[in-house]
Amino acid sequence: MPLPTWGEILKELSNRRTEQGRPDYDAVRRGYLTELAAHTGRDTILYATKWTQGGDVDPGKISITEEDVQGLMEVVKGLKSGRLDIIVHSPGGSPEATEAVVAYLRSRFEHIRVIVPQVAMSAATLLACASDEIVMGAHSSLGPIDPQFILGGQFGVQAVPAQAILDQFERAKEECKDPKLLGAWLPMLNQYGPALLMQCENALALAENLACEWLETWMLKTNPERSTKAREIARTLKDHKEFKSHARHISREKAKKMGLVVSDLESDQRQQDLVLSVFHTTTQTFDGTPAVKLIENHLGRAFIKIQQQVAFQIPIPVVVEPPPAAPPPDAE
């Protein structure tokens, strides 16, 4: 029998409460995580962040960072099967931190599946490239791995693709041969530091080389043309000219056509139901608690990142009515 939908899990949470009377998010979520591990026979870790639900969330708290290695060390303790399923829901983050995460996980597990219940973008897609297999549903998506730079200037703070910066400089070089166009370009070019071009080139090379190395080492290890295929996939994933936007979604079918090893979440109905039950409960945890990042295993060990909510007290003016006037004295 299929397991609960998002709405049905919401009802379950309303009926299952802690001693303090709050919905018992942890118990429900971890219960499904434990059932999933029992079904697959594999160690299971949830790595999820609050990023698809909107709200004022600190980007640093939901990105892949160096601190995640510490969180994974906490939840990997006690896992002994050598086979890992990691459920990933993340907007990405630092490629360098992702490299540290991959080095740690691959030192502990012989076989890794990355399960994408909804979206794994940017450096989270890079993480998926370090797996032996990616599990996706018809609704799941990956994203391009082209690096972005956060730049500030007279036009405000914005995330700019590294490739777009390089392309803009090339266009500027050509158009500025006409002195009449120089004035139009100067305001844009002045916001870039002198080392930015080299940083862009290095960032693009890093993303491509990491994806290529990991694909060749693990996902494509049995492919006789693994070196050529890994480089082809890596170049496609980092090609900003191909995707036009860092936020573009790569569907399961597109991922397969690229050559990534992707299996269908729906191929095992029980597994699909359990994965989605974990995911639905996770998003409801983010809605109902201050948690913005969850790293936990099927044994109940967890590393949870909290963002405290700031409450503002708005003074309400109090209207004090004057006491009733004393009655006039009786006339004599």
C-alpha atoms as a PDB file:
ATOM      1  CA  MET A   1       0.000   0.000   0.000  1.00  0.00           C
ATOM      2  CA  PRO A   2       1.427   3.442  -0.920  1.00  0.00           C
ATOM      3  CA  LEU A   3       2.628   5.515   2.001  1.00  0.00           C
ATOM      4  CA  PRO A   4       1.203   8.933   2.936  1.00  0.00           C
ATOM      5  CA  THR A   5       1.131  11.961   0.674  1.00  0.00           C
ATOM      6  CA  TRP A   6       2.288  15.401   1.824  1.00  0.00           C
ATOM      7  CA  GLY A   7      -1.187  16.230   3.095  1.00  0.00           C
ATOM      8  CA  GLU A   8      -1.601  12.905   4.866  1.00  0.00           C
ATOM      9  CA  ILE A   9       1.754  13.317   6.611  1.00  0.00           C
ATOM     10  CA  LEU A  10       0.618  16.762   7.722  1.00  0.00           C
ATOM     11  CA  LYS A  11      -2.389  15.078   9.335  1.00  0.00           C
ATOM     12  CA  GLU A  12      -0.083  12.501  10.941  1.00  0.00           C
ATOM     13  CA  LEU A  13       1.996  15.292  12.425  1.00  0.00           C
ATOM     14  CA  SER A  14      -1.081  17.031  13.785  1.00  0.00           C
ATOM     15  CA  ASN A  15      -2.016  13.816  15.608  1.00  0.00           C
ATOM     16  CA  ARG A  16       1.473  12.854  16.782  1.00  0.00           C
ATOM     17  CA  ARG A  17       2.803  15.390  19.228  1.00  0.00           C
ATOM     18  CA  THR A  18       5.563  15.858  21.767  1.00  0.00           C
ATOM     19  CA  GLU A  19       4.995  16.240  25.495  1.00  0.00           C
ATOM     20  CA  GLN A  20       5.033  19.983  24.908  1.00  0.00           C
ATOM     21  CA  GLY A  21       2.138  19.630  22.466  1.00  0.00           C
ATOM     22  CA  ARG A  22       4.110  20.413  19.302  1.00  0.00           C
ATOM     23  CA  PRO A  23       4.090  18.164  16.188  1.00  0.00           C
ATOM     24  CA  ASP A  24       6.791  15.500  16.618  1.00  0.00           C
ATOM     25  CA  TYR A  25       8.642  16.240  13.381  1.00  0.00           C
ATOM     26  CA  ASP A  26      11.806  14.377  14.378  1.00  0.00           C
ATOM     27  CA  ALA A  27      10.084  11.131  15.328  1.00  0.00           C
ATOM     28  CA  VAL A  28       7.958  10.991  12.168  1.00  0.00           C
ATOM     29  CA  ARG A  29      10.805  11.918   9.820  1.00  0.00           C
ATOM     30  CA  ARG A  30      13.292   9.530  11.394  1.00  0.00           C
ATOM     31  CA  GLY A  31      10.734   6.755  11.420  1.00  0.00           C
ATOM     32  CA  TYR A  32      10.430   6.896   7.641  1.00  0.00           C
ATOM     33  CA  LEU A  33      14.208   7.198   7.283  1.00  0.00           C
ATOM     34  CA  THR A  34      14.652   4.025   9.343  1.00  0.00           C
ATOM     35  CA  GLU A  35      12.053   2.194   7.257  1.00  0.00           C
ATOM     36  CA  LEU A  36      13.837   3.236   4.060  1.00  0.00           C
ATOM     37  CA  ALA A  37      17.171   1.855   5.258  1.00  0.00           C
ATOM     38  CA  ALA A  38      15.496  -1.393   6.319  1.00  0.00           C
ATOM     39  CA  HIS A  39      13.897  -1.720   2.882  1.00  0.00           C
ATOM     40  CA  THR A  40      17.067  -1.092   0.861  1.00  0.00           C
ATOM     41  CA  GLY A  41      19.532  -2.752   3.221  1.00  0.00           C
ATOM     42  CA  ARG A  42      21.810   0.269   2.808  1.00  0.00           C
ATOM     43  CA  ASP A  43      23.038   2.928   5.216  1.00  0.00           C
ATOM     44  CA  THR A  44      20.971   6.059   4.631  1.00  0.00           C
ATOM     45  CA  ILE A  45      21.717   9.738   5.235  1.00  0.00           C
ATOM     46  CA  LEU A  46      19.463  12.732   4.702  1.00  0.00           C
ATOM     47  CA  TYR A  47      21.169  15.960   3.591  1.00  0.00           C
ATOM     48  CA  ALA A  48      18.528  18.638   3.068  1.00  0.00           C
ATOM     49  CA  THR A  49      18.233  22.394   3.369  1.00  0.00           C
ATOM     50  CA  LYS A  50      15.402  24.906   3.494  1.00  0.00           C
ATOM     51  CA  TRP A  51      15.741  26.623   0.124  1.00  0.00           C
ATOM     52  CA  THR A  52      12.690  25.867  -2.033  1.00  0.00           C
ATOM     53  CA  GLN A  53      10.125  27.260   0.386  1.00  0.00           C
ATOM     54  CA  GLY A  54      11.007  30.934   0.299  1.00  0.00           C
ATOM     55  CA  GLY A  55      11.423  33.072   3.368  1.00  0.00           C
ATOM     56  CA  ASP A  56      14.353  35.056   4.704  1.00  0.00           C
ATOM     57  CA  VAL A  57      17.018  32.359   5.086  1.00  0.00           C
ATOM     58  CA  ASP A  58      20.737  33.081   5.398  1.00  0.00           C
ATOM     59  CA  PRO A  59      22.307  31.647   2.190  1.00  0.00           C
ATOM     60  CA  GLY A  60      25.389  30.584   4.159  1.00  0.00           C
ATOM     61  CA  LYS A  61      23.299  28.295   6.350  1.00  0.00           C
ATOM     62  CA  ILE A  62      21.732  26.386   3.463  1.00  0.00           C
ATOM     63  CA  SER A  63      24.786  26.071   1.197  1.00  0.00           C
ATOM     64  CA  ILE A  64      27.345  23.277   1.032  1.00  0.00           C
ATOM     65  CA  THR A  65      30.111  24.517   3.344  1.00  0.00           C
ATOM     66  CA  GLU A  66      33.206  23.196   5.096  1.00  0.00           C
ATOM     67  CA  GLU A  67      31.117  22.664   8.234  1.00  0.00           C
ATOM     68  CA  ASP A  68      29.177  19.926   6.443  1.00  0.00           C
ATOM     69  CA  VAL A  69      32.174  17.609   6.792  1.00  0.00           C
ATOM     70  CA  GLN A  70      31.772  17.913  10.562  1.00  0.00           C
ATOM     71  CA  GLY A  71      28.064  17.157  10.234  1.00  0.00           C
ATOM     72  CA  LEU A  72      28.705  14.115   8.061  1.00  0.00           C
ATOM     73  CA  MET A  73      31.349  12.833  10.484  1.00  0.00           C
ATOM     74  CA  GLU A  74      28.664  12.905  13.157  1.00  0.00           C
ATOM     75  CA  VAL A  75      26.143  10.882  11.158  1.00  0.00           C
ATOM     76  CA  VAL A  76      28.565   8.477   9.473  1.00  0.00           C
ATOM     77  CA  LYS A  77      29.648   7.211  12.883  1.00  0.00           C
ATOM     78  CA  GLY A  78      28.176   3.752  13.413  1.00  0.00           C
ATOM     79  CA  LEU A  79      27.450   3.082   9.725  1.00  0.00           C
ATOM     80  CA  LYS A  80      29.197  -0.125   8.663  1.00  0.00           C
ATOM     81  CA  SER A  81      27.641  -1.529   5.485  1.00  0.00           C
ATOM     82  CA  GLY A  82      30.003   0.235   3.083  1.00  0.00           C
ATOM     83  CA  ARG A  83      26.982   1.131   0.899  1.00  0.00           C
ATOM     84  CA  LEU A  84      25.354   4.514   1.244  1.00  0.00           C
ATOM     85  CA  ASP A  85      22.165   6.157   0.033  1.00  0.00           C
ATOM     86  CA  ILE A  86      22.309   9.929   0.547  1.00  0.00           C
ATOM     87  CA  ILE A  87      19.104  11.880  -0.025  1.00  0.00           C
ATOM     88  CA  VAL A  88      20.140  15.309  -1.314  1.00  0.00           C
ATOM     89  CA  HIS A  89      17.984  18.439  -1.494  1.00  0.00           C
ATOM     90  CA  SER A  90      20.294  21.427  -1.864  1.00  0.00           C
ATOM     91  CA  PRO A  91      20.912  24.574  -3.941  1.00  0.00           C
ATOM     92  CA  GLY A  92      24.655  23.830  -3.941  1.00  0.00           C
ATOM     93  CA  GLY A  93      27.469  25.909  -2.513  1.00  0.00           C
ATOM     94  CA  SER A  94      31.245  25.820  -2.494  1.00  0.00           C
ATOM     95  CA  PRO A  95      32.950  23.454  -4.978  1.00  0.00           C
ATOM     96  CA  GLU A  96      35.940  23.328  -2.640  1.00  0.00           C
ATOM     97  CA  ALA A  97      33.747  22.275   0.290  1.00  0.00           C
ATOM     98  CA  THR A  98      32.031  19.747  -1.973  1.00  0.00           C
ATOM     99  CA  GLU A  99      35.444  18.302  -2.781  1.00  0.00           C
ATOM    100  CA  ALA A 100      36.091  17.820   0.945  1.00  0.00           C
ATOM    101  CA  VAL A 101      32.662  16.180   1.400  1.00  0.00           C
ATOM    102  CA  VAL A 102      33.309  13.798  -1.510  1.00  0.00           C
ATOM    103  CA  ALA A 103      36.784  12.879  -0.241  1.00  0.00           C
ATOM    104  CA  TYR A 104      35.343  12.001   3.172  1.00  0.00           C
ATOM    105  CA  LEU A 105      32.346  10.010   1.946  1.00  0.00           C
ATOM    106  CA  ARG A 106      34.324   8.070  -0.650  1.00  0.00           C
ATOM    107  CA  SER A 107      36.857   7.129   2.034  1.00  0.00           C
ATOM    108  CA  ARG A 108      34.064   5.534   4.064  1.00  0.00           C
ATOM    109  CA  PHE A 109      31.791   3.937   1.460  1.00  0.00           C
ATOM    110  CA  GLU A 110      32.489   1.646  -1.483  1.00  0.00           C
ATOM    111  CA  HIS A 111      29.199   2.330  -3.252  1.00  0.00           C
ATOM    112  CA  ILE A 112      27.160   5.539  -3.070  1.00  0.00           C
ATOM    113  CA  ARG A 113      23.766   6.391  -4.521  1.00  0.00           C
ATOM    114  CA  VAL A 114      22.599  10.010  -4.532  1.00  0.00           C
ATOM    115  CA  ILE A 115      18.802  10.158  -4.308  1.00  0.00           C
ATOM    116  CA  VAL A 116      17.222  13.415  -5.518  1.00  0.00           C
ATOM    117  CA  PRO A 117      13.664  13.733  -4.139  1.00  0.00           C
ATOM    118  CA  GLN A 118      13.155  17.103  -5.826  1.00  0.00           C
ATOM    119  CA  VAL A 119      16.151  19.294  -6.743  1.00  0.00           C
ATOM    120  CA  ALA A 120      19.950  19.146  -6.383  1.00  0.00           C
ATOM    121  CA  MET A 121      21.529  22.150  -8.074  1.00  0.00           C
ATOM    122  CA  SER A 122      25.004  23.525  -8.788  1.00  0.00           C
ATOM    123  CA  ALA A 123      27.549  22.027  -6.350  1.00  0.00           C
ATOM    124  CA  ALA A 124      24.904  19.507  -5.257  1.00  0.00           C
ATOM    125  CA  THR A 125      24.875  18.261  -8.856  1.00  0.00           C
ATOM    126  CA  LEU A 126      28.662  18.144  -8.614  1.00  0.00           C
ATOM    127  CA  LEU A 127      28.245  15.950  -5.521  1.00  0.00           C
ATOM    128  CA  ALA A 128      25.929  13.661  -7.501  1.00  0.00           C
ATOM    129  CA  CYS A 129      28.687  13.263 -10.102  1.00  0.00           C
ATOM    130  CA  ALA A 130      30.807  11.626  -7.383  1.00  0.00           C
ATOM    131  CA  SER A 131      28.258   8.857  -6.846  1.00  0.00           C
ATOM    132  CA  ASP A 132      28.020   5.446  -8.493  1.00  0.00           C
ATOM    133  CA  GLU A 133      24.392   6.075  -9.387  1.00  0.00           C
ATOM    134  CA  ILE A 134      21.821   8.869  -9.224  1.00  0.00           C
ATOM    135  CA  VAL A 135      18.212   8.029  -8.357  1.00  0.00           C
ATOM    136  CA  MET A 136      15.640  10.492  -9.728  1.00  0.00           C
ATOM    137  CA  GLY A 137      11.880  10.656 -10.030  1.00  0.00           C
ATOM    138  CA  ALA A 138       9.949  12.067 -12.965  1.00  0.00           C
ATOM    139  CA  HIS A 139       9.691  15.281 -10.918  1.00  0.00           C
ATOM    140  CA  SER A 140      13.390  15.449  -9.932  1.00  0.00           C
ATOM    141  CA  SER A 141      15.991  17.828 -11.360  1.00  0.00           C
ATOM    142  CA  LEU A 142      19.709  18.494 -11.390  1.00  0.00           C
ATOM    143  CA  GLY A 143      21.321  21.772 -12.443  1.00  0.00           C
ATOM    144  CA  PRO A 144      24.324  23.228 -14.288  1.00  0.00           C
ATOM    145  CA  ILE A 145      27.643  23.350 -12.417  1.00  0.00           C
ATOM    146  CA  ASP A 146      28.977  26.556 -13.984  1.00  0.00           C
ATOM    147  CA  PRO A 147      30.501  28.679 -11.179  1.00  0.00           C
ATOM    148  CA  GLN A 148      28.965  31.961 -10.061  1.00  0.00           C
ATOM    149  CA  PHE A 149      30.614  35.055  -8.604  1.00  0.00           C
ATOM    150  CA  ILE A 150      28.902  37.359  -6.115  1.00  0.00           C
ATOM    151  CA  LEU A 151      29.815  40.864  -7.256  1.00  0.00           C
ATOM    152  CA  GLY A 152      28.941  44.238  -5.800  1.00  0.00           C
ATOM    153  CA  GLY A 153      29.032  47.571  -7.554  1.00  0.00           C
ATOM    154  CA  GLN A 154      27.014  50.543  -8.603  1.00  0.00           C
ATOM    155  CA  PHE A 155      24.376  48.158  -9.957  1.00  0.00           C
ATOM    156  CA  GLY A 156      23.988  46.380  -6.603  1.00  0.00           C
ATOM    157  CA  VAL A 157      25.001  42.892  -5.413  1.00  0.00           C
ATOM    158  CA  GLN A 158      24.357  40.130  -7.928  1.00  0.00           C
ATOM    159  CA  ALA A 159      25.399  36.574  -8.781  1.00  0.00           C
ATOM    160  CA  VAL A 160      27.163  36.580 -12.138  1.00  0.00           C
ATOM    161  CA  PRO A 161      28.164  33.460 -14.121  1.00  0.00           C
ATOM    162  CA  ALA A 162      31.928  33.168 -14.589  1.00  0.00           C
ATOM    163  CA  GLN A 163      31.458  32.409 -18.286  1.00  0.00           C
ATOM    164  CA  ALA A 164      29.262  35.496 -18.744  1.00  0.00           C
ATOM    165  CA  ILE A 165      32.029  37.676 -17.277  1.00  0.00           C
ATOM    166  CA  LEU A 166      34.574  36.226 -19.702  1.00  0.00           C
ATOM    167  CA  ASP A 167      32.180  36.621 -22.633  1.00  0.00           C
ATOM    168  CA  GLN A 168      31.458  40.212 -21.658  1.00  0.00           C
ATOM    169  CA  PHE A 169      35.160  41.062 -21.639  1.00  0.00           C
ATOM    170  CA  GLU A 170      35.592  39.531 -25.073  1.00  0.00           C
ATOM    171  CA  ARG A 171      32.718  41.611 -26.433  1.00  0.00           C
ATOM    172  CA  ALA A 172      34.112  44.718 -24.743  1.00  0.00           C
ATOM    173  CA  LYS A 173      37.512  44.175 -26.348  1.00  0.00           C
ATOM    174  CA  GLU A 174      35.918  44.121 -29.780  1.00  0.00           C
ATOM    175  CA  GLU A 175      33.444  46.957 -29.326  1.00  0.00           C
ATOM    176  CA  CYS A 176      35.909  49.271 -27.555  1.00  0.00           C
ATOM    177  CA  LYS A 177      37.969  49.389 -30.719  1.00  0.00           C
ATOM    178  CA  ASP A 178      35.397  52.030 -31.604  1.00  0.00           C
ATOM    179  CA  PRO A 179      36.198  55.001 -29.282  1.00  0.00           C
ATOM    180  CA  LYS A 180      32.551  56.120 -29.415  1.00  0.00           C
ATOM    181  CA  LEU A 181      31.488  52.950 -27.529  1.00  0.00           C
ATOM    182  CA  LEU A 182      34.125  53.203 -24.783  1.00  0.00           C
ATOM    183  CA  GLY A 183      31.973  55.441 -22.594  1.00  0.00           C
ATOM    184  CA  ALA A 184      29.142  52.902 -22.575  1.00  0.00           C
ATOM    185  CA  TRP A 185      31.448  50.100 -21.448  1.00  0.00           C
ATOM    186  CA  LEU A 186      33.443  51.874 -18.725  1.00  0.00           C
ATOM    187  CA  PRO A 187      30.725  51.805 -15.999  1.00  0.00           C
ATOM    188  CA  MET A 188      30.350  48.041 -16.427  1.00  0.00           C
ATOM    189  CA  LEU A 189      34.046  47.215 -16.625  1.00  0.00           C
ATOM    190  CA  ASN A 190      35.009  49.370 -13.637  1.00  0.00           C
ATOM    191  CA  GLN A 191      33.142  47.103 -11.215  1.00  0.00           C
ATOM    192  CA  TYR A 192      35.451  44.139 -11.936  1.00  0.00           C
ATOM    193  CA  GLY A 193      38.767  43.692 -10.114  1.00  0.00           C
ATOM    194  CA  PRO A 194      42.020  43.088 -12.003  1.00  0.00           C
ATOM    195  CA  ALA A 195      42.230  39.380 -11.061  1.00  0.00           C
ATOM    196  CA  LEU A 196      38.627  38.521 -11.910  1.00  0.00           C
ATOM    197  CA  LEU A 197      39.268  37.127 -15.387  1.00  0.00           C
ATOM    198  CA  MET A 198      41.824  34.633 -14.104  1.00  0.00           C
ATOM    199  CA  GLN A 199      39.545  33.706 -11.205  1.00  0.00           C
ATOM    200  CA  CYS A 200      36.738  32.993 -13.662  1.00  0.00           C
ATOM    201  CA  GLU A 201      38.947  30.795 -15.812  1.00  0.00           C
ATOM    202  CA  ASN A 202      40.219  28.893 -12.768  1.00  0.00           C
ATOM    203  CA  ALA A 203      36.707  28.405 -11.356  1.00  0.00           C
ATOM    204  CA  LEU A 204      35.424  27.016 -14.660  1.00  0.00           C
ATOM    205  CA  ALA A 205      38.390  24.667 -14.930  1.00  0.00           C
ATOM    206  CA  LEU A 206      37.911  23.478 -11.340  1.00  0.00           C
ATOM    207  CA  ALA A 207      34.221  22.638 -11.831  1.00  0.00           C
ATOM    208  CA  GLU A 208      34.894  20.746 -15.054  1.00  0.00           C
ATOM    209  CA  ASN A 209      37.922  18.872 -13.713  1.00  0.00           C
ATOM    210  CA  LEU A 210      36.209  17.786 -10.490  1.00  0.00           C
ATOM    211  CA  ALA A 211      33.147  16.486 -12.348  1.00  0.00           C
ATOM    212  CA  CYS A 212      35.310  14.736 -14.923  1.00  0.00           C
ATOM    213  CA  GLU A 213      37.576  13.086 -12.350  1.00  0.00           C
ATOM    214  CA  TRP A 214      34.699  11.865 -10.189  1.00  0.00           C
ATOM    215  CA  LEU A 215      32.621  10.574 -13.095  1.00  0.00           C
ATOM    216  CA  GLU A 216      35.586   8.667 -14.503  1.00  0.00           C
ATOM    217  CA  THR A 217      36.555   7.224 -11.109  1.00  0.00           C
ATOM    218  CA  TRP A 218      33.131   6.030  -9.976  1.00  0.00           C
ATOM    219  CA  MET A 219      30.005   6.453 -12.089  1.00  0.00           C
ATOM    220  CA  LEU A 220      31.598   5.538 -15.428  1.00  0.00           C
ATOM    221  CA  LYS A 221      34.283   3.180 -14.112  1.00  0.00           C
ATOM    222  CA  THR A 222      33.021   0.237 -16.211  1.00  0.00           C
ATOM    223  CA  ASN A 223      32.610   2.292 -19.392  1.00  0.00           C
ATOM    224  CA  PRO A 224      35.448   1.463 -21.837  1.00  0.00           C
ATOM    225  CA  GLU A 225      35.332   5.086 -23.046  1.00  0.00           C
ATOM    226  CA  ARG A 226      35.018   6.532 -19.547  1.00  0.00           C
ATOM    227  CA  SER A 227      37.686   9.255 -19.960  1.00  0.00           C
ATOM    228  CA  THR A 228      36.146  10.707 -23.111  1.00  0.00           C
ATOM    229  CA  LYS A 229      32.567  10.391 -21.833  1.00  0.00           C
ATOM    230  CA  ALA A 230      33.376  11.889 -18.430  1.00  0.00           C
ATOM    231  CA  ARG A 231      34.984  14.937 -20.059  1.00  0.00           C
ATOM    232  CA  GLU A 232      32.024  15.347 -22.405  1.00  0.00           C
ATOM    233  CA  ILE A 233      29.488  15.267 -19.555  1.00  0.00           C
ATOM    234  CA  ALA A 234      31.547  17.633 -17.400  1.00  0.00           C
ATOM    235  CA  ARG A 235      31.877  20.171 -20.207  1.00  0.00           C
ATOM    236  CA  THR A 236      28.160  20.054 -20.903  1.00  0.00           C
ATOM    237  CA  LEU A 237      27.242  20.560 -17.243  1.00  0.00           C
ATOM    238  CA  LYS A 238      29.481  23.630 -16.907  1.00  0.00           C
ATOM    239  CA  ASP A 239      28.509  25.182 -20.258  1.00  0.00           C
ATOM    240  CA  HIS A 240      26.692  28.425 -19.476  1.00  0.00           C
ATOM    241  CA  LYS A 241      26.176  29.040 -23.177  1.00  0.00           C
ATOM    242  CA  GLU A 242      24.203  25.786 -23.350  1.00  0.00           C
ATOM    243  CA  PHE A 243      21.899  26.446 -20.372  1.00  0.00           C
ATOM    244  CA  LYS A 244      21.754  30.278 -20.502  1.00  0.00           C
ATOM    245  CA  SER A 245      20.879  30.352 -16.778  1.00  0.00           C
ATOM    246  CA  HIS A 246      22.421  28.802 -13.672  1.00  0.00           C
ATOM    247  CA  ALA A 247      18.894  28.105 -12.411  1.00  0.00           C
ATOM    248  CA  ARG A 248      17.903  25.878 -15.363  1.00  0.00           C
ATOM    249  CA  HIS A 249      16.598  22.431 -14.373  1.00  0.00           C
ATOM    250  CA  ILE A 250      17.986  19.256 -15.903  1.00  0.00           C
ATOM    251  CA  SER A 251      15.282  16.597 -15.970  1.00  0.00           C
ATOM    252  CA  ARG A 252      15.859  12.890 -15.470  1.00  0.00           C
ATOM    253  CA  GLU A 253      15.587  12.209 -19.181  1.00  0.00           C
ATOM    254  CA  LYS A 254      18.071  14.955 -20.048  1.00  0.00           C
ATOM    255  CA  ALA A 255      20.483  13.629 -17.421  1.00  0.00           C
ATOM    256  CA  LYS A 256      20.276  10.169 -18.969  1.00  0.00           C
ATOM    257  CA  LYS A 257      20.875  11.550 -22.457  1.00  0.00           C
ATOM    258  CA  MET A 258      24.009  13.291 -21.202  1.00  0.00           C
ATOM    259  CA  GLY A 259      25.351   9.908 -20.152  1.00  0.00           C
ATOM    260  CA  LEU A 260      24.881  10.087 -16.392  1.00  0.00           C
ATOM    261  CA  VAL A 261      23.982   6.774 -14.732  1.00  0.00           C
ATOM    262  CA  VAL A 262      20.439   7.483 -13.535  1.00  0.00           C
ATOM    263  CA  SER A 263      17.846   5.024 -12.250  1.00  0.00           C
ATOM    264  CA  ASP A 264      14.128   5.678 -11.842  1.00  0.00           C
ATOM    265  CA  LEU A 265      12.799   6.265  -8.348  1.00  0.00           C
ATOM    266  CA  GLU A 266       9.474   4.763  -9.487  1.00  0.00           C
ATOM    267  CA  SER A 267      11.076   1.421 -10.358  1.00  0.00           C
ATOM    268  CA  ASP A 268      10.685   0.394  -6.701  1.00  0.00           C
ATOM    269  CA  GLN A 269       7.294   1.613  -5.451  1.00  0.00           C
ATOM    270  CA  ARG A 270       8.064   0.969  -1.794  1.00  0.00           C
ATOM    271  CA  GLN A 271      11.350   2.848  -2.046  1.00  0.00           C
ATOM    272  CA  GLN A 272       9.651   5.774  -3.791  1.00  0.00           C
ATOM    273  CA  ASP A 273       6.969   6.026  -1.129  1.00  0.00           C
ATOM    274  CA  LEU A 274       9.526   5.994   1.680  1.00  0.00           C
ATOM    275  CA  VAL A 275      11.857   8.520   0.025  1.00  0.00           C
ATOM    276  CA  LEU A 276       8.979  10.924  -0.601  1.00  0.00           C
ATOM    277  CA  SER A 277       7.647  10.420   2.922  1.00  0.00           C
ATOM    278  CA  VAL A 278      11.063  11.375   4.305  1.00  0.00           C
ATOM    279  CA  PHE A 279      11.145  14.388   2.002  1.00  0.00           C
ATOM    280  CA  HIS A 280       7.608  15.592   2.764  1.00  0.00           C
ATOM    281  CA  THR A 281       8.266  15.363   6.495  1.00  0.00           C
ATOM    282  CA  THR A 282      11.555  17.211   6.005  1.00  0.00           C
ATOM    283  CA  THR A 283       9.921  20.181   4.262  1.00  0.00           C
ATOM    284  CA  GLN A 284       7.282  20.296   6.988  1.00  0.00           C
ATOM    285  CA  THR A 285      10.066  20.268   9.583  1.00  0.00           C
ATOM    286  CA  PHE A 286      11.526  23.351   7.915  1.00  0.00           C
ATOM    287  CA  ASP A 287       8.098  25.019   7.901  1.00  0.00           C
ATOM    288  CA  GLY A 288       7.371  24.263  11.553  1.00  0.00           C
ATOM    289  CA  THR A 289      10.767  24.694  13.255  1.00  0.00           C
ATOM    290  CA  PRO A 290      13.817  27.023  13.097  1.00  0.00           C
ATOM    291  CA  ALA A 291      15.843  24.249  11.362  1.00  0.00           C
ATOM    292  CA  VAL A 292      17.282  25.229   7.966  1.00  0.00           C
ATOM    293  CA  LYS A 293      19.654  22.292   7.348  1.00  0.00           C
ATOM    294  CA  LEU A 294      19.275  18.634   8.350  1.00  0.00           C
ATOM    295  CA  ILE A 295      22.070  16.071   8.191  1.00  0.00           C
ATOM    296  CA  GLU A 296      20.972  12.814   9.826  1.00  0.00           C
ATOM    297  CA  ASN A 297      21.142   9.054   9.451  1.00  0.00           C
ATOM    298  CA  HIS A 298      18.660   6.223   9.782  1.00  0.00           C
ATOM    299  CA  LEU A 299      19.942   5.437  13.289  1.00  0.00           C
ATOM    300  CA  GLY A 300      18.803   8.788  14.645  1.00  0.00           C
ATOM    301  CA  ARG A 301      22.159  10.608  14.786  1.00  0.00           C
ATOM    302  CA  ALA A 302      21.753  14.156  13.525  1.00  0.00           C
ATOM    303  CA  PHE A 303      23.518  17.461  12.885  1.00  0.00           C
ATOM    304  CA  ILE A 304      20.951  20.243  12.613  1.00  0.00           C
ATOM    305  CA  LYS A 305      21.542  23.851  11.599  1.00  0.00           C
ATOM    306  CA  ILE A 306      19.195  26.386  13.180  1.00  0.00           C
ATOM    307  CA  GLN A 307      18.370  29.923  12.138  1.00  0.00           C
ATOM    308  CA  GLN A 308      16.807  31.771  15.001  1.00  0.00           C
ATOM    309  CA  GLN A 309      13.780  33.826  14.104  1.00  0.00           C
ATOM    310  CA  VAL A 310      13.813  37.460  15.148  1.00  0.00           C
ATOM    311  CA  ALA A 311      10.597  38.542  16.803  1.00  0.00           C
ATOM    312  CA  PHE A 312       9.667  42.206  16.762  1.00  0.00           C
ATOM    313  CA  GLN A 313       7.401  43.678  19.420  1.00  0.00           C
ATOM    314  CA  ILE A 314       5.260  46.476  18.070  1.00  0.00           C
ATOM    315  CA  PRO A 315       4.060  48.787  20.837  1.00  0.00           C
ATOM    316  CA  ILE A 316       0.320  49.191  20.864  1.00  0.00           C
ATOM    317  CA  PRO A 317      -0.827  52.608  22.024  1.00  0.00           C
ATOM    318  CA  VAL A 318      -3.013  52.453  25.100  1.00  0.00           C
ATOM    319  CA  VAL A 319      -5.870  54.877  25.217  1.00  0.00           C
ATOM    320  CA  VAL A 320      -6.629  55.935  28.775  1.00  0.00           C
ATOM    321  CA  GLU A 321     -10.027  57.429  29.197  1.00  0.00           C
ATOM    322  CA  PRO A 322     -10.243  60.317  31.690  1.00  0.00           C
ATOM    323  CA  PRO A 323     -12.253  59.629  34.843  1.00  0.00           C
ATOM    324  CA  PRO A 324     -15.815  60.804  34.731  1.00  0.00           C
ATOM    325  CA  ALA A 325     -16.256  64.388  35.823  1.00  0.00           C
ATOM    326  CA  ALA A 326     -17.515  64.916  39.334  1.00  0.00           C
ATOM    327  CA  PRO A 327     -21.156  65.941  39.500  1.00  0.00           C
ATOM    328  CA  PRO A 328     -21.724  69.660  40.156  1.00  0.00           C
ATOM    329  CA  PRO A 329     -22.440  70.565  43.765  1.00  0.00           C
ATOM    330  CA  ASP A 330     -26.066  70.892  44.709  1.00  0.00           C
ATOM    331  CA  ALA A 331     -27.309  74.456  44.423  1.00  0.00           C
ATOM    332  CA  GLU A 332     -28.283  75.982  47.737  1.00  0.00           C
END
